[in-house]
N, C-alpha and C. Protein backbone atom coordinates (compact mmCIF):
# COMPACT_ATOMS: atom_id res chain seq x y z
N UNK A 1 39.80 63.69 -102.19
CA UNK A 1 39.40 64.99 -103.73
C UNK A 1 40.19 65.98 -103.15
N UNK A 2 40.53 66.59 -102.52
CA UNK A 2 40.44 67.91 -102.11
C UNK A 2 42.42 67.78 -102.57
N UNK A 3 42.83 67.26 -102.69
CA UNK A 3 44.51 66.81 -103.22
C UNK A 3 44.33 67.11 -104.14
N UNK A 4 43.86 65.52 -104.31
CA UNK A 4 43.51 66.07 -106.17
C UNK A 4 43.35 67.11 -106.74
N UNK A 5 42.01 67.45 -106.09
CA UNK A 5 40.97 69.32 -107.04
C UNK A 5 43.32 70.02 -106.95
N UNK A 6 43.49 70.69 -105.65
CA UNK A 6 44.03 71.06 -106.43
C UNK A 6 45.80 71.44 -106.58
N UNK A 7 45.13 70.11 -106.80
CA UNK A 7 46.51 69.65 -107.75
C UNK A 7 46.56 69.49 -109.22
N UNK A 8 45.19 69.73 -108.99
CA UNK A 8 44.98 70.09 -111.24
C UNK A 8 45.74 70.74 -110.92
N UNK A 9 46.25 70.38 -113.00
CA UNK A 9 47.34 71.29 -113.92
C UNK A 9 47.08 72.62 -113.53
N UNK A 10 44.93 72.40 -113.99
CA UNK A 10 44.31 74.22 -113.98
C UNK A 10 44.60 75.24 -112.61
N UNK A 11 44.51 74.15 -111.74
CA UNK A 11 44.15 74.80 -110.34
C UNK A 11 46.77 75.97 -110.14
N UNK A 12 46.64 74.90 -110.62
CA UNK A 12 48.15 74.70 -110.69
C UNK A 12 48.57 76.26 -111.11
N UNK A 13 47.80 75.76 -112.47
CA UNK A 13 48.59 76.78 -113.51
C UNK A 13 48.25 78.72 -113.28
N UNK A 14 45.98 78.24 -112.44
CA UNK A 14 46.24 80.10 -112.37
C UNK A 14 47.29 80.50 -110.54
N UNK A 15 48.07 78.93 -110.17
CA UNK A 15 48.48 79.58 -108.98
C UNK A 15 50.21 80.84 -109.54
N UNK A 16 50.73 79.84 -110.75
CA UNK A 16 51.33 80.25 -110.62
C UNK A 16 50.91 81.89 -111.26
N UNK A 17 50.23 81.85 -112.54
CA UNK A 17 49.95 83.33 -112.96
C UNK A 17 49.45 84.46 -111.85
N UNK A 18 48.48 83.56 -110.63
CA UNK A 18 48.75 84.17 -110.01
C UNK A 18 49.77 85.10 -108.67
N UNK A 19 51.03 83.89 -109.24
CA UNK A 19 51.47 85.24 -107.59
C UNK A 19 52.90 85.36 -108.60
N UNK A 20 52.76 84.89 -110.16
CA UNK A 20 53.29 86.26 -111.04
C UNK A 20 53.01 87.92 -111.16
N UNK A 21 51.46 87.58 -111.13
CA UNK A 21 51.00 88.69 -111.46
C UNK A 21 51.89 89.73 -109.78
N UNK A 22 51.13 89.17 -109.28
CA UNK A 22 51.37 89.67 -107.85
C UNK A 22 53.02 89.73 -107.30
N UNK A 23 54.29 88.93 -108.63
CA UNK A 23 55.63 89.26 -108.10
C UNK A 23 56.45 90.35 -109.50
N UNK A 24 55.35 90.32 -109.95
CA UNK A 24 55.37 92.41 -111.56
C UNK A 24 56.04 91.34 -112.32
N UNK A 25 55.85 90.04 -113.06
CA UNK A 25 57.18 88.77 -113.60
C UNK A 25 57.08 89.29 -114.63
N UNK A 26 57.91 89.29 -115.73
CA UNK A 26 57.43 89.60 -117.23
C UNK A 26 57.23 88.20 -117.40
N UNK A 27 56.19 86.94 -116.70
CA UNK A 27 56.56 86.14 -117.29
C UNK A 27 55.27 85.53 -118.80
N UNK A 28 55.08 86.02 -119.72
CA UNK A 28 55.15 84.89 -121.01
C UNK A 28 55.22 84.30 -121.36
N UNK A 29 54.25 83.96 -122.46
CA UNK A 29 54.18 82.71 -123.10
C UNK A 29 54.32 82.62 -124.72
N UNK A 30 55.27 82.41 -125.26
CA UNK A 30 55.43 82.23 -126.76
C UNK A 30 53.56 82.44 -127.06
N UNK A 31 53.78 83.53 -128.78
CA UNK A 31 52.44 83.29 -128.74
C UNK A 31 51.90 81.73 -130.35
N UNK A 32 53.53 81.13 -130.26
CA UNK A 32 52.86 79.89 -131.63
C UNK A 32 52.01 79.36 -130.17
N UNK A 33 52.54 79.26 -128.94
CA UNK A 33 52.25 78.27 -128.15
C UNK A 33 51.30 78.53 -127.57
N UNK A 34 51.26 79.94 -127.47
CA UNK A 34 49.58 79.82 -127.14
C UNK A 34 48.29 79.78 -128.36
N UNK A 35 48.83 79.74 -129.73
CA UNK A 35 47.77 79.37 -130.03
C UNK A 35 47.58 78.37 -130.40
N UNK A 36 48.28 77.12 -130.88
CA UNK A 36 48.33 76.07 -130.56
C UNK A 36 47.67 75.37 -129.75
N UNK A 37 47.78 76.33 -128.12
CA UNK A 37 46.80 75.55 -127.16
C UNK A 37 45.39 76.06 -127.55
N UNK A 38 45.12 77.09 -127.50
CA UNK A 38 43.83 77.61 -128.24
C UNK A 38 43.01 76.59 -128.33
N UNK A 39 43.63 76.09 -129.59
CA UNK A 39 43.25 74.94 -130.84
C UNK A 39 43.12 73.57 -129.87
N UNK A 40 44.26 73.34 -129.42
CA UNK A 40 44.19 72.49 -128.54
C UNK A 40 42.57 72.47 -127.80
N UNK A 41 42.48 72.72 -127.08
CA UNK A 41 41.06 72.68 -125.84
C UNK A 41 40.22 73.50 -126.49
N UNK A 42 40.17 74.81 -127.58
CA UNK A 42 38.93 74.49 -128.48
C UNK A 42 38.22 72.40 -128.77
N UNK A 43 39.20 71.87 -128.97
CA UNK A 43 38.73 70.31 -129.97
C UNK A 43 38.76 70.08 -128.71
N UNK A 44 40.00 69.33 -127.61
CA UNK A 44 39.05 68.84 -127.00
C UNK A 44 37.57 69.11 -126.40
N UNK A 45 37.60 70.61 -125.96
CA UNK A 45 36.12 71.45 -125.46
C UNK A 45 34.65 70.32 -126.23
N UNK A 46 34.66 70.26 -127.82
CA UNK A 46 33.92 70.42 -128.91
C UNK A 46 34.07 68.68 -129.19
N UNK A 47 34.84 67.98 -128.63
CA UNK A 47 34.77 66.34 -128.33
C UNK A 47 34.40 65.56 -127.45
N UNK A 48 34.44 66.26 -126.60
CA UNK A 48 34.29 65.98 -125.38
C UNK A 48 32.37 66.88 -125.19
N UNK A 49 31.38 67.54 -126.05
CA UNK A 49 31.02 68.24 -126.33
C UNK A 49 29.81 66.93 -126.66
N UNK A 50 30.87 66.36 -128.05
CA UNK A 50 30.12 65.57 -128.84
C UNK A 50 30.01 64.40 -127.88
N UNK A 51 30.87 63.55 -127.40
CA UNK A 51 30.85 62.93 -126.82
C UNK A 51 29.40 62.09 -125.85
N UNK A 52 29.43 63.32 -124.53
CA UNK A 52 27.76 63.50 -124.04
C UNK A 52 26.59 64.09 -124.34
N UNK A 53 26.69 64.68 -125.80
CA UNK A 53 25.46 64.64 -127.23
C UNK A 53 25.22 63.01 -127.08
N UNK A 54 26.53 62.34 -127.71
CA UNK A 54 26.43 60.90 -127.80
C UNK A 54 25.59 59.70 -126.49
N UNK A 55 26.02 59.79 -125.94
CA UNK A 55 25.62 58.71 -124.75
C UNK A 55 23.84 59.77 -124.21
N UNK A 56 23.89 61.16 -124.25
CA UNK A 56 23.10 61.44 -124.62
C UNK A 56 21.28 61.76 -125.29
N UNK A 57 21.65 61.46 -126.69
CA UNK A 57 21.74 60.92 -127.25
C UNK A 57 20.62 62.97 -128.09
N UNK A 58 20.28 62.34 -128.93
CA UNK A 58 19.08 63.73 -129.69
C UNK A 58 17.77 64.58 -128.51
N UNK A 59 17.56 65.43 -127.86
CA UNK A 59 16.68 65.98 -127.28
C UNK A 59 15.95 66.79 -127.57
N UNK A 60 14.85 67.68 -127.04
CA UNK A 60 14.51 68.18 -126.62
C UNK A 60 15.02 69.47 -125.71
N UNK A 61 15.93 69.16 -125.56
CA UNK A 61 16.78 69.67 -124.51
C UNK A 61 18.13 70.68 -125.99
N UNK A 62 18.60 69.78 -126.14
CA UNK A 62 19.23 69.25 -126.81
C UNK A 62 19.41 70.33 -128.30
N UNK A 63 18.13 70.49 -128.80
CA UNK A 63 17.71 71.46 -129.60
C UNK A 63 17.26 72.02 -129.38
N UNK A 64 16.68 72.53 -127.77
CA UNK A 64 16.70 74.24 -127.50
C UNK A 64 18.03 75.29 -127.38
N UNK A 65 18.84 74.06 -126.86
CA UNK A 65 20.01 75.23 -126.48
C UNK A 65 20.18 75.09 -128.35
N UNK A 66 20.62 74.14 -129.07
CA UNK A 66 21.24 74.66 -130.00
C UNK A 66 20.40 75.74 -130.66
N UNK A 67 19.81 76.65 -130.45
CA UNK A 67 18.51 77.13 -131.10
C UNK A 67 18.69 79.06 -130.41
N UNK A 68 19.41 78.46 -129.86
CA UNK A 68 19.35 79.41 -128.48
C UNK A 68 20.89 80.19 -128.72
N UNK A 69 21.78 80.00 -129.67
CA UNK A 69 22.88 80.80 -129.82
C UNK A 69 22.35 81.02 -131.42
C-alpha cells in the first residue's frame, strides 16, 4: 500500500515540482495544456461527486451542504 501511494501520479508530480523548485529550474507548463488539465480535473471531480451522490441518495446532509455554498 505504501509503495502504491508513493508511486501515484499525484505524489510523483508533486516531487517533480518540488525538485524543480529546489534546483531553481525554469520548468513550465504550456498555458493550453494547463487550461485543458484544469477543465479535465474539474469535470472528473464533478463526475466523481455525482456518482457519490447517486450511490448515497439525496438526504438531509446533502441538502445542508448544498445550502452552505
